[in-house]
Amino acid sequence: MAAIQIQTSRFGIVQCAEEDLILFPEGILGFADLRRFVLVDDPSDEIFAWLQSCEIPQIAFPVLEPELFTANYQLNLTKHDLESLELKTATGVRSFAIITVPEDPTQMTANLKAPVVINVAKRMARQIVLQDNNLAIREPIFAKLQSRVVQNPQTSIKTQASDWGVAVRLPEPTA
């Protein structure tokens, strides 16, 4: 298991194993040249994880699993979507919504229309534009997240991400 170091602007140097890398053969929408990412937990935030580029230290996307703030989220993948992820069925995938956090965090939104979908076994991912026209590109989520945390303070992206072994844990900040 080869250890690698990734320079980030947000977290400094991140140590991870080669197996923690997630390959995006087509890049991410708007960032087609970026192919290698790692999912990083933020030790100062119990909710969000970051999809950190391994190629450009300044590029990192806050992400959440849609199930944390949306009931009945359906990930309806087409045959082409499955093939592009080297899958026969939608089992063995995890999906994440990219979050936009403006200056006023109460206005944060999630892109439910184009989630990042990861083939966990192969560490391969793709941002997929779903065909469901009821899904929003800018779904307001602040109030939903706030009520979820109040109802179940133990629920966090960290707990769920560690269950499937993709997130890289950063050391806790020292005082």
N, C-alpha and C. Protein backbone atom coordinates (compact mmCIF):
# COMPACT_ATOMS: atom_id res chain seq x y z
N MET A 1 0.85 -1.18 0.00
CA MET A 1 0.00 0.00 0.00
C MET A 1 0.89 1.23 0.00
N ALA A 2 1.05 1.86 -1.15
CA ALA A 2 1.95 3.00 -1.30
C ALA A 2 1.32 4.26 -0.72
N ALA A 3 2.07 4.97 0.11
CA ALA A 3 1.59 6.23 0.67
C ALA A 3 1.98 7.36 -0.26
N ILE A 4 1.06 8.30 -0.43
CA ILE A 4 1.35 9.46 -1.25
C ILE A 4 0.96 10.72 -0.48
N GLN A 5 1.56 11.83 -0.87
CA GLN A 5 1.24 13.11 -0.26
C GLN A 5 0.59 14.00 -1.30
N ILE A 6 -0.47 14.67 -0.88
CA ILE A 6 -1.18 15.58 -1.77
C ILE A 6 -1.15 16.96 -1.13
N GLN A 7 -0.65 17.93 -1.86
CA GLN A 7 -0.65 19.31 -1.38
C GLN A 7 -2.04 19.89 -1.58
N THR A 8 -2.60 20.50 -0.52
CA THR A 8 -3.90 21.14 -0.62
C THR A 8 -3.79 22.55 -0.06
N SER A 9 -4.62 23.44 -0.55
CA SER A 9 -4.61 24.81 -0.02
C SER A 9 -5.42 24.90 1.27
N ARG A 10 -6.38 24.01 1.44
CA ARG A 10 -7.27 24.05 2.60
C ARG A 10 -6.72 23.29 3.81
N PHE A 11 -6.06 22.16 3.57
CA PHE A 11 -5.64 21.27 4.64
C PHE A 11 -4.13 21.07 4.75
N GLY A 12 -3.36 21.76 3.93
CA GLY A 12 -1.92 21.53 3.92
C GLY A 12 -1.62 20.24 3.18
N ILE A 13 -0.62 19.51 3.64
CA ILE A 13 -0.27 18.24 3.00
C ILE A 13 -1.14 17.13 3.59
N VAL A 14 -1.79 16.38 2.70
CA VAL A 14 -2.64 15.27 3.09
C VAL A 14 -1.91 13.98 2.72
N GLN A 15 -1.80 13.08 3.67
CA GLN A 15 -1.20 11.76 3.43
C GLN A 15 -2.33 10.78 3.15
N CYS A 16 -2.17 10.01 2.10
CA CYS A 16 -3.17 8.98 1.83
C CYS A 16 -2.51 7.82 1.11
N ALA A 17 -3.22 6.74 1.02
CA ALA A 17 -2.74 5.56 0.30
C ALA A 17 -3.16 5.69 -1.16
N GLU A 18 -2.40 5.09 -2.03
CA GLU A 18 -2.72 5.06 -3.46
C GLU A 18 -4.15 4.55 -3.66
N GLU A 19 -4.57 3.61 -2.81
CA GLU A 19 -5.91 3.02 -2.92
C GLU A 19 -7.02 4.00 -2.55
N ASP A 20 -6.69 5.13 -1.90
CA ASP A 20 -7.68 6.13 -1.54
C ASP A 20 -8.04 7.05 -2.70
N LEU A 21 -7.22 7.05 -3.74
CA LEU A 21 -7.46 7.93 -4.88
C LEU A 21 -8.72 7.50 -5.63
N ILE A 22 -9.44 8.49 -6.11
CA ILE A 22 -10.64 8.25 -6.90
C ILE A 22 -10.37 8.83 -8.28
N LEU A 23 -10.50 8.00 -9.30
CA LEU A 23 -10.21 8.41 -10.67
C LEU A 23 -11.49 8.84 -11.37
N PHE A 24 -11.45 10.02 -11.97
CA PHE A 24 -12.53 10.55 -12.80
C PHE A 24 -12.02 10.55 -14.24
N PRO A 25 -12.24 9.48 -15.01
CA PRO A 25 -11.71 9.42 -16.37
C PRO A 25 -12.13 10.59 -17.25
N GLU A 26 -13.31 11.17 -16.99
CA GLU A 26 -13.82 12.30 -17.78
C GLU A 26 -13.69 13.63 -17.04
N GLY A 27 -13.05 13.63 -15.89
CA GLY A 27 -13.00 14.86 -15.08
C GLY A 27 -14.35 15.16 -14.46
N ILE A 28 -14.47 16.34 -13.89
CA ILE A 28 -15.72 16.82 -13.29
C ILE A 28 -16.22 17.95 -14.18
N LEU A 29 -17.53 18.14 -14.26
CA LEU A 29 -18.09 19.19 -15.11
C LEU A 29 -17.40 20.53 -14.81
N GLY A 30 -16.84 21.12 -15.84
CA GLY A 30 -16.13 22.38 -15.69
C GLY A 30 -14.66 22.22 -15.35
N PHE A 31 -14.25 21.00 -15.05
CA PHE A 31 -12.86 20.70 -14.68
C PHE A 31 -12.43 19.41 -15.36
N ALA A 32 -12.58 19.35 -16.68
CA ALA A 32 -12.34 18.12 -17.44
C ALA A 32 -10.91 17.61 -17.34
N ASP A 33 -9.96 18.49 -17.07
CA ASP A 33 -8.56 18.06 -17.01
C ASP A 33 -8.16 17.47 -15.67
N LEU A 34 -9.01 17.62 -14.66
CA LEU A 34 -8.69 17.08 -13.34
C LEU A 34 -9.27 15.67 -13.23
N ARG A 35 -8.40 14.71 -13.02
CA ARG A 35 -8.83 13.31 -13.06
C ARG A 35 -8.67 12.57 -11.74
N ARG A 36 -7.77 13.05 -10.87
CA ARG A 36 -7.49 12.32 -9.63
C ARG A 36 -7.94 13.16 -8.43
N PHE A 37 -8.76 12.54 -7.58
CA PHE A 37 -9.28 13.20 -6.40
C PHE A 37 -9.17 12.26 -5.21
N VAL A 38 -9.31 12.82 -4.04
CA VAL A 38 -9.40 12.04 -2.82
C VAL A 38 -10.49 12.68 -1.97
N LEU A 39 -11.24 11.86 -1.26
CA LEU A 39 -12.29 12.35 -0.38
C LEU A 39 -11.67 12.57 0.99
N VAL A 40 -11.74 13.82 1.47
CA VAL A 40 -11.06 14.20 2.70
C VAL A 40 -12.08 14.68 3.73
N ASP A 41 -11.95 14.16 4.96
CA ASP A 41 -12.77 14.65 6.07
C ASP A 41 -12.15 15.93 6.62
N ASP A 42 -12.99 16.86 6.98
CA ASP A 42 -12.55 18.10 7.62
C ASP A 42 -12.68 17.91 9.13
N PRO A 43 -11.56 17.89 9.88
CA PRO A 43 -11.66 17.64 11.32
C PRO A 43 -12.39 18.75 12.07
N SER A 44 -12.53 19.93 11.46
CA SER A 44 -13.21 21.02 12.15
C SER A 44 -14.69 21.12 11.76
N ASP A 45 -15.18 20.18 10.96
CA ASP A 45 -16.57 20.22 10.51
C ASP A 45 -17.13 18.80 10.51
N GLU A 46 -18.18 18.57 11.27
CA GLU A 46 -18.75 17.23 11.39
C GLU A 46 -19.66 16.85 10.23
N ILE A 47 -20.01 17.79 9.38
CA ILE A 47 -20.98 17.52 8.32
C ILE A 47 -20.32 17.21 6.99
N PHE A 48 -19.48 18.12 6.51
CA PHE A 48 -18.98 18.03 5.14
C PHE A 48 -17.71 17.20 5.01
N ALA A 49 -17.57 16.61 3.83
CA ALA A 49 -16.31 16.05 3.38
C ALA A 49 -15.92 16.90 2.17
N TRP A 50 -14.70 16.75 1.71
CA TRP A 50 -14.20 17.53 0.58
C TRP A 50 -13.68 16.59 -0.48
N LEU A 51 -14.09 16.82 -1.71
CA LEU A 51 -13.55 16.11 -2.85
C LEU A 51 -12.38 16.96 -3.33
N GLN A 52 -11.18 16.54 -2.93
CA GLN A 52 -9.96 17.32 -3.13
C GLN A 52 -9.23 16.86 -4.38
N SER A 53 -8.91 17.81 -5.25
CA SER A 53 -8.11 17.50 -6.43
C SER A 53 -6.69 17.14 -6.01
N CYS A 54 -6.14 16.12 -6.62
CA CYS A 54 -4.74 15.74 -6.37
C CYS A 54 -3.81 16.54 -7.27
N GLU A 55 -4.37 17.21 -8.28
CA GLU A 55 -3.56 17.91 -9.26
C GLU A 55 -3.43 19.41 -8.99
N ILE A 56 -4.50 20.04 -8.50
CA ILE A 56 -4.47 21.48 -8.22
C ILE A 56 -4.87 21.69 -6.76
N PRO A 57 -3.94 22.14 -5.91
CA PRO A 57 -4.21 22.25 -4.48
C PRO A 57 -5.43 23.12 -4.12
N GLN A 58 -5.74 24.12 -4.94
CA GLN A 58 -6.85 25.04 -4.63
C GLN A 58 -8.22 24.49 -4.98
N ILE A 59 -8.29 23.37 -5.68
CA ILE A 59 -9.59 22.83 -6.11
C ILE A 59 -10.05 21.74 -5.14
N ALA A 60 -11.13 22.06 -4.42
CA ALA A 60 -11.76 21.10 -3.51
C ALA A 60 -13.24 21.45 -3.44
N PHE A 61 -14.08 20.45 -3.56
CA PHE A 61 -15.53 20.65 -3.55
C PHE A 61 -16.12 20.09 -2.26
N PRO A 62 -16.89 20.92 -1.52
CA PRO A 62 -17.60 20.35 -0.36
C PRO A 62 -18.69 19.41 -0.88
N VAL A 63 -18.82 18.24 -0.27
CA VAL A 63 -19.80 17.26 -0.72
C VAL A 63 -20.54 16.65 0.47
N LEU A 64 -21.74 16.19 0.18
CA LEU A 64 -22.58 15.48 1.14
C LEU A 64 -23.32 14.37 0.41
N GLU A 65 -23.63 13.31 1.13
CA GLU A 65 -24.51 12.30 0.57
C GLU A 65 -25.92 12.87 0.57
N PRO A 66 -26.63 12.81 -0.56
CA PRO A 66 -27.97 13.41 -0.65
C PRO A 66 -28.94 12.91 0.41
N GLU A 67 -28.75 11.68 0.86
CA GLU A 67 -29.65 11.11 1.87
C GLU A 67 -29.59 11.87 3.20
N LEU A 68 -28.55 12.65 3.42
CA LEU A 68 -28.45 13.43 4.66
C LEU A 68 -29.46 14.56 4.73
N PHE A 69 -29.96 15.02 3.58
CA PHE A 69 -30.88 16.15 3.59
C PHE A 69 -32.09 15.96 2.67
N THR A 70 -32.18 14.84 1.97
CA THR A 70 -33.30 14.62 1.05
C THR A 70 -33.85 13.21 1.24
N ALA A 71 -35.12 13.13 1.54
CA ALA A 71 -35.75 11.83 1.64
C ALA A 71 -36.08 11.34 0.23
N ASN A 72 -35.99 10.06 0.02
CA ASN A 72 -36.39 9.43 -1.25
C ASN A 72 -35.57 9.88 -2.45
N TYR A 73 -34.31 10.20 -2.26
CA TYR A 73 -33.46 10.57 -3.40
C TYR A 73 -33.21 9.33 -4.25
N GLN A 74 -33.52 9.42 -5.52
CA GLN A 74 -33.38 8.29 -6.43
C GLN A 74 -32.21 8.52 -7.38
N LEU A 75 -31.32 7.58 -7.42
CA LEU A 75 -30.18 7.64 -8.32
C LEU A 75 -30.48 6.70 -9.48
N ASN A 76 -31.18 7.21 -10.49
CA ASN A 76 -31.57 6.40 -11.64
C ASN A 76 -30.50 6.52 -12.71
N LEU A 77 -29.61 5.51 -12.76
CA LEU A 77 -28.51 5.53 -13.70
C LEU A 77 -28.91 4.83 -15.00
N THR A 78 -28.49 5.43 -16.12
CA THR A 78 -28.76 4.82 -17.42
C THR A 78 -27.75 3.71 -17.68
N LYS A 79 -27.99 2.94 -18.72
CA LYS A 79 -27.05 1.89 -19.10
C LYS A 79 -25.69 2.51 -19.41
N HIS A 80 -25.69 3.65 -20.08
CA HIS A 80 -24.43 4.34 -20.39
C HIS A 80 -23.70 4.76 -19.11
N ASP A 81 -24.45 5.29 -18.13
CA ASP A 81 -23.85 5.69 -16.85
C ASP A 81 -23.17 4.50 -16.19
N LEU A 82 -23.89 3.37 -16.14
CA LEU A 82 -23.33 2.16 -15.52
C LEU A 82 -22.08 1.69 -16.26
N GLU A 83 -22.15 1.67 -17.58
CA GLU A 83 -20.99 1.23 -18.37
C GLU A 83 -19.79 2.14 -18.14
N SER A 84 -20.03 3.45 -18.06
CA SER A 84 -18.93 4.40 -17.87
C SER A 84 -18.26 4.22 -16.50
N LEU A 85 -18.98 3.64 -15.56
CA LEU A 85 -18.43 3.35 -14.24
C LEU A 85 -17.98 1.89 -14.11
N GLU A 86 -18.06 1.16 -15.23
CA GLU A 86 -17.70 -0.26 -15.28
C GLU A 86 -18.53 -1.09 -14.31
N LEU A 87 -19.84 -0.84 -14.34
CA LEU A 87 -20.79 -1.54 -13.48
C LEU A 87 -21.87 -2.22 -14.31
N LYS A 88 -22.40 -3.30 -13.78
CA LYS A 88 -23.54 -3.96 -14.41
C LYS A 88 -24.85 -3.49 -13.77
N THR A 89 -24.81 -3.21 -12.47
CA THR A 89 -25.98 -2.68 -11.75
C THR A 89 -25.52 -1.53 -10.87
N ALA A 90 -26.48 -0.85 -10.27
CA ALA A 90 -26.15 0.31 -9.43
C ALA A 90 -25.75 -0.07 -8.01
N THR A 91 -25.49 -1.35 -7.76
CA THR A 91 -25.01 -1.74 -6.44
C THR A 91 -23.51 -1.45 -6.38
N GLY A 92 -23.04 -1.12 -5.19
CA GLY A 92 -21.63 -0.83 -5.02
C GLY A 92 -21.25 0.59 -5.40
N VAL A 93 -22.25 1.48 -5.44
CA VAL A 93 -21.96 2.88 -5.73
C VAL A 93 -22.30 3.75 -4.53
N ARG A 94 -21.63 4.87 -4.44
CA ARG A 94 -21.98 5.91 -3.48
C ARG A 94 -22.15 7.18 -4.27
N SER A 95 -23.06 8.02 -3.85
CA SER A 95 -23.26 9.29 -4.55
C SER A 95 -23.11 10.44 -3.58
N PHE A 96 -22.60 11.53 -4.12
CA PHE A 96 -22.41 12.74 -3.35
C PHE A 96 -22.91 13.93 -4.15
N ALA A 97 -23.56 14.86 -3.47
CA ALA A 97 -23.96 16.12 -4.08
C ALA A 97 -22.87 17.14 -3.80
N ILE A 98 -22.52 17.90 -4.82
CA ILE A 98 -21.57 19.00 -4.63
C ILE A 98 -22.35 20.16 -4.03
N ILE A 99 -21.80 20.72 -2.96
CA ILE A 99 -22.47 21.78 -2.21
C ILE A 99 -21.85 23.13 -2.56
N THR A 100 -22.71 24.12 -2.72
CA THR A 100 -22.25 25.50 -2.91
C THR A 100 -22.56 26.25 -1.62
N VAL A 101 -21.51 26.82 -1.02
CA VAL A 101 -21.69 27.57 0.22
C VAL A 101 -21.33 29.03 -0.05
N PRO A 102 -22.35 29.89 -0.21
CA PRO A 102 -22.07 31.31 -0.46
C PRO A 102 -21.65 32.02 0.82
N GLU A 103 -21.41 33.30 0.72
CA GLU A 103 -20.99 34.08 1.88
C GLU A 103 -21.98 33.93 3.04
N ASP A 104 -23.26 33.90 2.72
CA ASP A 104 -24.29 33.64 3.73
C ASP A 104 -24.59 32.14 3.72
N PRO A 105 -24.04 31.38 4.69
CA PRO A 105 -24.20 29.92 4.66
C PRO A 105 -25.65 29.45 4.73
N THR A 106 -26.56 30.29 5.19
CA THR A 106 -27.97 29.87 5.23
C THR A 106 -28.53 29.73 3.82
N GLN A 107 -27.80 30.22 2.82
CA GLN A 107 -28.23 30.12 1.43
C GLN A 107 -27.55 28.97 0.68
N MET A 108 -26.88 28.06 1.42
CA MET A 108 -26.17 26.97 0.75
C MET A 108 -27.13 26.08 -0.02
N THR A 109 -26.61 25.53 -1.13
CA THR A 109 -27.41 24.67 -1.99
C THR A 109 -26.63 23.41 -2.35
N ALA A 110 -27.37 22.41 -2.80
CA ALA A 110 -26.78 21.15 -3.26
C ALA A 110 -27.20 20.91 -4.70
N ASN A 111 -26.28 20.36 -5.47
CA ASN A 111 -26.59 19.99 -6.85
C ASN A 111 -27.07 18.54 -6.86
N LEU A 112 -28.39 18.38 -6.85
CA LEU A 112 -28.98 17.04 -6.87
C LEU A 112 -29.10 16.51 -8.29
N LYS A 113 -29.07 17.39 -9.26
CA LYS A 113 -29.24 17.01 -10.67
C LYS A 113 -27.98 16.33 -11.22
N ALA A 114 -26.80 16.71 -10.71
CA ALA A 114 -25.55 16.16 -11.24
C ALA A 114 -24.65 15.67 -10.11
N PRO A 115 -25.02 14.54 -9.48
CA PRO A 115 -24.21 14.03 -8.38
C PRO A 115 -22.90 13.41 -8.86
N VAL A 116 -21.96 13.32 -7.95
CA VAL A 116 -20.74 12.55 -8.18
C VAL A 116 -21.07 11.12 -7.76
N VAL A 117 -20.88 10.18 -8.68
CA VAL A 117 -21.20 8.78 -8.41
C VAL A 117 -19.89 7.99 -8.45
N ILE A 118 -19.64 7.23 -7.38
CA ILE A 118 -18.38 6.50 -7.25
C ILE A 118 -18.63 5.00 -7.27
N ASN A 119 -17.90 4.31 -8.13
CA ASN A 119 -17.82 2.85 -8.10
C ASN A 119 -16.81 2.55 -7.00
N VAL A 120 -17.29 2.17 -5.83
CA VAL A 120 -16.44 2.02 -4.65
C VAL A 120 -15.35 0.97 -4.86
N ALA A 121 -15.69 -0.15 -5.45
CA ALA A 121 -14.72 -1.23 -5.62
C ALA A 121 -13.57 -0.84 -6.54
N LYS A 122 -13.88 -0.10 -7.58
CA LYS A 122 -12.84 0.26 -8.55
C LYS A 122 -12.26 1.65 -8.33
N ARG A 123 -12.82 2.40 -7.35
CA ARG A 123 -12.35 3.76 -7.07
C ARG A 123 -12.42 4.62 -8.33
N MET A 124 -13.50 4.44 -9.07
CA MET A 124 -13.72 5.18 -10.30
C MET A 124 -15.00 5.99 -10.12
N ALA A 125 -15.00 7.24 -10.64
CA ALA A 125 -16.16 8.09 -10.43
C ALA A 125 -16.48 8.91 -11.67
N ARG A 126 -17.68 9.46 -11.62
CA ARG A 126 -18.14 10.29 -12.72
C ARG A 126 -19.19 11.23 -12.16
N GLN A 127 -19.19 12.47 -12.63
CA GLN A 127 -20.30 13.35 -12.29
C GLN A 127 -21.36 13.12 -13.36
N ILE A 128 -22.52 12.67 -12.93
CA ILE A 128 -23.56 12.24 -13.86
C ILE A 128 -24.74 13.21 -13.80
N VAL A 129 -25.15 13.69 -14.97
CA VAL A 129 -26.34 14.54 -15.05
C VAL A 129 -27.54 13.60 -15.19
N LEU A 130 -28.35 13.57 -14.14
CA LEU A 130 -29.52 12.69 -14.11
C LEU A 130 -30.64 13.24 -14.99
N GLN A 131 -31.46 12.36 -15.53
CA GLN A 131 -32.53 12.75 -16.45
C GLN A 131 -33.79 13.25 -15.75
N ASP A 132 -33.87 13.14 -14.43
CA ASP A 132 -35.05 13.55 -13.67
C ASP A 132 -35.13 15.08 -13.61
N ASN A 133 -36.14 15.64 -14.29
CA ASN A 133 -36.29 17.10 -14.33
C ASN A 133 -36.81 17.70 -13.02
N ASN A 134 -37.19 16.84 -12.07
CA ASN A 134 -37.63 17.34 -10.77
C ASN A 134 -36.46 17.62 -9.83
N LEU A 135 -35.26 17.20 -10.21
CA LEU A 135 -34.09 17.42 -9.38
C LEU A 135 -33.51 18.81 -9.65
N ALA A 136 -33.13 19.48 -8.57
CA ALA A 136 -32.62 20.84 -8.69
C ALA A 136 -31.10 20.88 -8.77
N ILE A 137 -30.61 21.86 -9.50
CA ILE A 137 -29.17 22.11 -9.54
C ILE A 137 -28.77 22.89 -8.28
N ARG A 138 -29.70 23.70 -7.78
CA ARG A 138 -29.44 24.50 -6.57
C ARG A 138 -30.55 24.26 -5.53
N GLU A 139 -30.54 23.09 -4.92
CA GLU A 139 -31.52 22.73 -3.90
C GLU A 139 -31.11 23.35 -2.57
N PRO A 140 -31.95 24.24 -1.99
CA PRO A 140 -31.62 24.82 -0.69
C PRO A 140 -31.57 23.72 0.38
N ILE A 141 -30.51 23.71 1.19
CA ILE A 141 -30.36 22.60 2.14
C ILE A 141 -30.09 23.02 3.57
N PHE A 142 -29.86 24.30 3.84
CA PHE A 142 -29.45 24.72 5.18
C PHE A 142 -30.47 24.29 6.24
N ALA A 143 -31.73 24.61 6.04
CA ALA A 143 -32.76 24.28 7.05
C ALA A 143 -32.89 22.77 7.22
N LYS A 144 -32.76 22.02 6.12
CA LYS A 144 -32.86 20.56 6.20
C LYS A 144 -31.69 19.97 6.99
N LEU A 145 -30.50 20.48 6.74
CA LEU A 145 -29.34 20.00 7.48
C LEU A 145 -29.44 20.37 8.95
N GLN A 146 -29.88 21.58 9.21
CA GLN A 146 -30.00 22.05 10.58
C GLN A 146 -30.98 21.17 11.36
N SER A 147 -32.12 20.85 10.78
CA SER A 147 -33.09 20.02 11.49
C SER A 147 -32.56 18.60 11.65
N ARG A 148 -31.82 18.11 10.68
CA ARG A 148 -31.25 16.76 10.77
C ARG A 148 -30.24 16.67 11.91
N VAL A 149 -29.39 17.67 12.03
CA VAL A 149 -28.38 17.66 13.09
C VAL A 149 -29.05 17.78 14.46
N VAL A 150 -30.09 18.60 14.55
CA VAL A 150 -30.80 18.75 15.81
C VAL A 150 -31.48 17.44 16.20
N GLN A 151 -32.08 16.75 15.22
CA GLN A 151 -32.78 15.49 15.49
C GLN A 151 -31.81 14.35 15.81
N ASN A 152 -30.64 14.33 15.15
CA ASN A 152 -29.71 13.22 15.33
C ASN A 152 -28.28 13.74 15.28
N PRO A 153 -27.78 14.30 16.39
CA PRO A 153 -26.46 14.91 16.38
C PRO A 153 -25.31 13.95 16.09
N GLN A 154 -25.55 12.64 16.20
CA GLN A 154 -24.47 11.68 15.93
C GLN A 154 -24.28 11.43 14.43
N THR A 155 -25.23 11.85 13.61
CA THR A 155 -25.13 11.61 12.17
C THR A 155 -24.17 12.59 11.54
N SER A 156 -23.18 12.07 10.87
CA SER A 156 -22.26 12.95 10.16
C SER A 156 -21.74 12.23 8.93
N ILE A 157 -21.22 12.99 8.00
CA ILE A 157 -20.62 12.42 6.80
C ILE A 157 -19.45 11.53 7.20
N LYS A 158 -18.74 11.88 8.25
CA LYS A 158 -17.57 11.10 8.68
C LYS A 158 -17.97 9.69 9.07
N THR A 159 -19.04 9.58 9.84
CA THR A 159 -19.49 8.26 10.27
C THR A 159 -19.83 7.41 9.07
N GLN A 160 -20.58 7.96 8.13
CA GLN A 160 -21.01 7.19 6.98
C GLN A 160 -19.86 6.91 6.02
N ALA A 161 -19.00 7.89 5.78
CA ALA A 161 -17.89 7.70 4.84
C ALA A 161 -16.93 6.63 5.35
N SER A 162 -16.69 6.59 6.65
CA SER A 162 -15.75 5.61 7.17
C SER A 162 -16.30 4.19 7.02
N ASP A 163 -17.61 4.07 6.92
CA ASP A 163 -18.22 2.76 6.74
C ASP A 163 -17.83 2.12 5.40
N TRP A 164 -17.42 2.93 4.45
CA TRP A 164 -17.06 2.35 3.16
C TRP A 164 -15.64 2.67 2.74
N GLY A 165 -14.87 3.28 3.64
CA GLY A 165 -13.44 3.36 3.49
C GLY A 165 -12.90 4.24 2.39
N VAL A 166 -13.53 5.35 2.06
CA VAL A 166 -12.96 6.23 1.04
C VAL A 166 -12.34 7.47 1.67
N ALA A 167 -12.98 8.02 2.68
CA ALA A 167 -12.51 9.29 3.22
C ALA A 167 -11.16 9.16 3.90
N VAL A 168 -10.32 10.11 3.62
CA VAL A 168 -9.02 10.20 4.27
C VAL A 168 -9.19 11.08 5.50
N ARG A 169 -8.76 10.59 6.63
CA ARG A 169 -8.91 11.36 7.87
C ARG A 169 -7.70 12.26 8.05
N LEU A 170 -7.97 13.49 8.38
CA LEU A 170 -6.91 14.43 8.70
C LEU A 170 -6.66 14.37 10.21
N PRO A 171 -5.45 14.70 10.64
CA PRO A 171 -5.21 14.73 12.08
C PRO A 171 -6.04 15.83 12.73
N GLU A 172 -6.47 15.58 13.95
CA GLU A 172 -7.22 16.59 14.69
C GLU A 172 -6.32 17.79 14.94
N PRO A 173 -6.89 19.01 14.85
CA PRO A 173 -6.05 20.19 15.11
C PRO A 173 -5.57 20.19 16.56
N THR A 174 -4.35 20.62 16.77
CA THR A 174 -3.80 20.70 18.12
C THR A 174 -3.88 22.13 18.60
N ALA A 175 -4.12 22.31 19.89
CA ALA A 175 -4.26 23.65 20.45
C ALA A 175 -2.91 24.27 20.73
